[in-house]
C-alpha atoms as a PDB file:
ATOM      1  CA  MET A   1      92.877  96.170 183.418  1.00  0.00           C
ATOM      2  CA  THR A   2      94.703  96.740 179.751  1.00  0.00           C
ATOM      3  CA  ALA A   3      98.623  97.364 179.347  1.00  0.00           C
ATOM      4  CA  PRO A   4      99.119 101.466 180.394  1.00  0.00           C
ATOM      5  CA  LEU A   5      98.958 103.539 177.305  1.00  0.00           C
ATOM      6  CA  PRO A   6     102.443 103.876 175.065  1.00  0.00           C
ATOM      7  CA  ILE A   7     103.982 106.489 174.721  1.00  0.00           C
ATOM      8  CA  LEU A   8     103.176 108.332 171.678  1.00  0.00           C
ATOM      9  CA  VAL A   9     104.132 111.926 170.979  1.00  0.00           C
ATOM     10  CA  GLU A  10     107.221 113.546 172.414  1.00  0.00           C
ATOM     11  CA  ALA A  11     109.127 116.139 172.268  1.00  0.00           C
ATOM     12  CA  SER A  12     110.473 115.472 168.625  1.00  0.00           C
ATOM     13  CA  ASP A  13     106.507 114.903 167.631  1.00  0.00           C
ATOM     14  CA  VAL A  14     106.051 118.395 168.072  1.00  0.00           C
ATOM     15  CA  GLU A  15     109.264 119.855 167.141  1.00  0.00           C
ATOM     16  CA  THR A  16     108.739 117.946 163.655  1.00  0.00           C
ATOM     17  CA  ARG A  17     105.210 119.270 163.841  1.00  0.00           C
ATOM     18  CA  LEU A  18     106.068 123.142 163.854  1.00  0.00           C
ATOM     19  CA  GLY A  19     109.102 122.977 161.894  1.00  0.00           C
ATOM     20  CA  GLU A  20     111.897 124.128 164.103  1.00  0.00           C
ATOM     21  CA  THR A  21     114.033 122.583 167.255  1.00  0.00           C
ATOM     22  CA  LEU A  22     112.872 124.030 170.665  1.00  0.00           C
ATOM     23  CA  ALA A  23     115.364 125.476 173.008  1.00  0.00           C
ATOM     24  CA  GLU A  24     116.038 124.173 175.969  1.00  0.00           C
ATOM     25  CA  SER A  25     113.252 126.004 178.204  1.00  0.00           C
ATOM     26  CA  GLU A  26     110.848 125.012 175.821  1.00  0.00           C
ATOM     27  CA  LEU A  27     112.179 121.307 175.697  1.00  0.00           C
ATOM     28  CA  GLY A  28     111.086 121.374 179.002  1.00  0.00           C
ATOM     29  CA  GLN A  29     107.435 123.087 178.870  1.00  0.00           C
ATOM     30  CA  VAL A  30     106.977 120.671 176.298  1.00  0.00           C
ATOM     31  CA  GLU A  31     107.629 117.714 177.064  1.00  0.00           C
ATOM     32  CA  SER A  32     105.357 118.895 180.392  1.00  0.00           C
ATOM     33  CA  ILE A  33     102.059 119.544 178.030  1.00  0.00           C
ATOM     34  CA  ILE A  34     102.964 115.906 176.837  1.00  0.00           C
ATOM     35  CA  GLU A  35     102.288 114.235 180.576  1.00  0.00           C
ATOM     36  CA  LEU A  36      99.586 116.895 181.015  1.00  0.00           C
ATOM     37  CA  VAL A  37      98.070 115.290 177.506  1.00  0.00           C
ATOM     38  CA  SER A  38      99.244 111.324 178.668  1.00  0.00           C
ATOM     39  CA  GLU A  39      97.541 111.868 181.791  1.00  0.00           C
ATOM     40  CA  LYS A  40      94.263 112.517 179.963  1.00  0.00           C
ATOM     41  CA  LEU A  41      93.666 110.607 178.117  1.00  0.00           C
ATOM     42  CA  ARG A  42      93.748 108.160 180.137  1.00  0.00           C
ATOM     43  CA  SER A  43      91.689 109.953 182.570  1.00  0.00           C
ATOM     44  CA  PRO A  44      88.467 108.523 183.080  1.00  0.00           C
ATOM     45  CA  SER A  45      86.258 111.125 182.154  1.00  0.00           C
ATOM     46  CA  MET A  46      88.478 111.195 178.390  1.00  0.00           C
ATOM     47  CA  ARG A  47      87.803 106.910 178.819  1.00  0.00           C
ATOM     48  CA  ARG A  48      83.971 107.692 178.621  1.00  0.00           C
ATOM     49  CA  ALA A  49      84.550 109.916 176.420  1.00  0.00           C
ATOM     50  CA  VAL A  50      86.393 107.350 173.938  1.00  0.00           C
ATOM     51  CA  GLY A  51      86.127 104.465 175.656  1.00  0.00           C
ATOM     52  CA  ASP A  52      88.971 102.059 176.279  1.00  0.00           C
ATOM     53  CA  ILE A  53      92.390 103.263 173.699  1.00  0.00           C
ATOM     54  CA  ASP A  54      95.004 101.218 174.589  1.00  0.00           C
ATOM     55  CA  GLN A  55      92.652  98.219 173.805  1.00  0.00           C
ATOM     56  CA  ARG A  56      91.276  99.659 170.850  1.00  0.00           C
ATOM     57  CA  LEU A  57      94.931 100.113 169.803  1.00  0.00           C
ATOM     58  CA  ALA A  58      96.093  96.723 170.797  1.00  0.00           C
ATOM     59  CA  ASP A  59      93.179  95.326 168.890  1.00  0.00           C
ATOM     60  CA  GLY A  60      94.389  97.407 165.684  1.00  0.00           C
ATOM     61  CA  ASP A  61      90.476  98.478 166.013  1.00  0.00           C
ATOM     62  CA  LEU A  62      92.438 102.523 166.737  1.00  0.00           C
ATOM     63  CA  ARG A  63      94.965 103.707 164.725  1.00  0.00           C
ATOM     64  CA  PRO A  64      98.120 104.874 166.446  1.00  0.00           C
ATOM     65  CA  GLY A  65      99.618 107.424 163.591  1.00  0.00           C
ATOM     66  CA  LEU A  66      95.772 108.956 163.945  1.00  0.00           C
ATOM     67  CA  VAL A  67      96.453 108.655 168.417  1.00  0.00           C
ATOM     68  CA  ARG A  68     100.291 110.381 167.570  1.00  0.00           C
ATOM     69  CA  GLY A  69      98.654 113.394 165.008  1.00  0.00           C
ATOM     70  CA  ILE A  70      95.948 114.018 167.508  1.00  0.00           C
ATOM     71  CA  LEU A  71      97.944 114.523 170.618  1.00  0.00           C
ATOM     72  CA  VAL A  72     100.378 116.880 168.234  1.00  0.00           C
ATOM     73  CA  THR A  73      98.019 118.531 167.421  1.00  0.00           C
ATOM     74  CA  VAL A  74      96.911 119.201 170.996  1.00  0.00           C
ATOM     75  CA  VAL A  75     100.214 119.787 172.275  1.00  0.00           C
ATOM     76  CA  CYS A  76     100.981 121.988 169.989  1.00  0.00           C
ATOM     77  CA  ARG A  77      97.979 123.841 170.838  1.00  0.00           C
ATOM     78  CA  ALA A  78      98.791 124.625 175.127  1.00  0.00           C
ATOM     79  CA  PHE A  79     102.373 125.257 173.376  1.00  0.00           C
ATOM     80  CA  ASP A  80     101.623 128.472 172.094  1.00  0.00           C
ATOM     81  CA  ALA A  81      99.357 129.454 173.827  1.00  0.00           C
ATOM     82  CA  HIS A  82     102.433 129.614 176.184  1.00  0.00           C
ATOM     83  CA  ARG A  83     104.481 130.892 173.554  1.00  0.00           C
ATOM     84  CA  VAL A  84     101.756 133.858 173.610  1.00  0.00           C
ATOM     85  CA  GLY A  85     100.595 134.547 177.271  1.00  0.00           C
ATOM     86  CA  LEU A  86      98.108 132.145 178.578  1.00  0.00           C
ATOM     87  CA  ARG A  87      96.579 135.384 179.354  1.00  0.00           C
ATOM     88  CA  VAL A  88      97.345 138.279 175.982  1.00  0.00           C
ATOM     89  CA  ARG A  89      94.382 137.484 174.493  1.00  0.00           C
ATOM     90  CA  SER A  90      96.343 140.541 171.306  1.00  0.00           C
ATOM     91  CA  GLU A  91      98.494 142.729 170.908  1.00  0.00           C
ATOM     92  CA  GLN A  92      98.955 145.585 168.822  1.00  0.00           C
ATOM     93  CA  PHE A  93     102.524 147.475 167.560  1.00  0.00           C
ATOM     94  CA  PRO A  94     104.667 150.027 167.624  1.00  0.00           C
ATOM     95  CA  GLU A  95     102.363 151.093 170.331  1.00  0.00           C
ATOM     96  CA  VAL A  96     102.243 147.995 172.824  1.00  0.00           C
ATOM     97  CA  GLN A  97      98.868 147.513 174.221  1.00  0.00           C
ATOM     98  CA  THR A  98      98.265 143.817 174.721  1.00  0.00           C
ATOM     99  CA  THR A  99      94.451 142.890 176.021  1.00  0.00           C
ATOM    100  CA  TYR A 100      94.537 140.726 178.261  1.00  0.00           C
ATOM    101  CA  ALA A 101      91.400 137.519 178.429  1.00  0.00           C
ATOM    102  CA  ASP A 102      90.236 135.833 181.816  1.00  0.00           C
ATOM    103  CA  PRO A 103      92.526 132.573 182.686  1.00  0.00           C
ATOM    104  CA  ASN A 104      91.383 129.824 180.832  1.00  0.00           C
ATOM    105  CA  SER A 105      91.233 126.431 183.136  1.00  0.00           C
ATOM    106  CA  GLU A 106      91.709 124.194 180.241  1.00  0.00           C
ATOM    107  CA  LEU A 107      95.119 125.105 179.456  1.00  0.00           C
ATOM    108  CA  VAL A 108      95.298 121.266 177.392  1.00  0.00           C
ATOM    109  CA  TYR A 109      91.422 120.304 175.794  1.00  0.00           C
ATOM    110  CA  PHE A 110      90.422 117.977 173.621  1.00  0.00           C
ATOM    111  CA  THR A 111      87.895 119.812 170.267  1.00  0.00           C
ATOM    112  CA  ASP A 112      84.262 117.736 170.042  1.00  0.00           C
ATOM    113  CA  SER A 113      86.056 116.616 166.427  1.00  0.00           C
ATOM    114  CA  GLU A 114      89.098 114.709 167.862  1.00  0.00           C
ATOM    115  CA  LEU A 115      87.129 113.049 170.368  1.00  0.00           C
ATOM    116  CA  ALA A 116      84.547 112.521 166.940  1.00  0.00           C
ATOM    117  CA  ASP A 117      88.165 110.533 166.124  1.00  0.00           C
ATOM    118  CA  LEU A 118      89.143 109.028 168.997  1.00  0.00           C
ATOM    119  CA  ALA A 119      85.876 107.528 169.548  1.00  0.00           C
ATOM    120  CA  PRO A 120      84.813 103.707 168.555  1.00  0.00           C
ATOM    121  CA  ALA A 121      82.587 103.530 165.747  1.00  0.00           C
ATOM    122  CA  ALA A 122      78.771 103.057 166.851  1.00  0.00           C
ATOM    123  CA  ASP A 123      77.869  99.545 165.292  1.00  0.00           C
ATOM    124  CA  VAL A 124      74.776 101.780 164.107  1.00  0.00           C
ATOM    125  CA  ASP A 125      73.108  99.119 161.681  1.00  0.00           C
ATOM    126  CA  GLN A 126      71.760 101.788 158.544  1.00  0.00           C
ATOM    127  CA  GLY A 127      69.128  98.817 157.819  1.00  0.00           C
ATOM    128  CA  GLY A 128      67.087 100.458 154.790  1.00  0.00           C
ATOM    129  CA  SER A 129      64.337 102.263 154.271  1.00  0.00           C
ATOM    130  CA  PHE A 130      60.743 101.653 156.104  1.00  0.00           C
ATOM    131  CA  SER A 131      57.704 102.994 157.201  1.00  0.00           C
ATOM    132  CA  ILE A 132      55.276 103.193 159.747  1.00  0.00           C
ATOM    133  CA  ARG A 133      51.723 102.854 159.742  1.00  0.00           C
ATOM    134  CA  ILE A 134      48.725 104.492 161.979  1.00  0.00           C
ATOM    135  CA  ALA A 135      46.567 102.512 163.050  1.00  0.00           C
END
């Protein structure tokens, strides 16, 4: 078994991406989301989807900057959901009208594109042309 995944995302990374300094209560939310994202990244289902990230980072097969960028994006997406309201679908002004959606069970999720970026490259032989003869 490899060493545990190093901490690749800090609250300051999220602040930098958002371009703002977060209040103390918001920092608590971000740190909680970072912890959840890190645990999801270590989960068996994620390991099946993207392989052994720990080993690939240690081997240099996976760039830490890419992982950090993806994780910050995931954290920002979840944090934005907190800011808007976990179940708020839309709001209208000047008369305040809020439309609520059914709660999403996945506050933290990875898109297919993000998973593809984290997944190991497939060792596929890119052979030349071929022909099939029907006998």
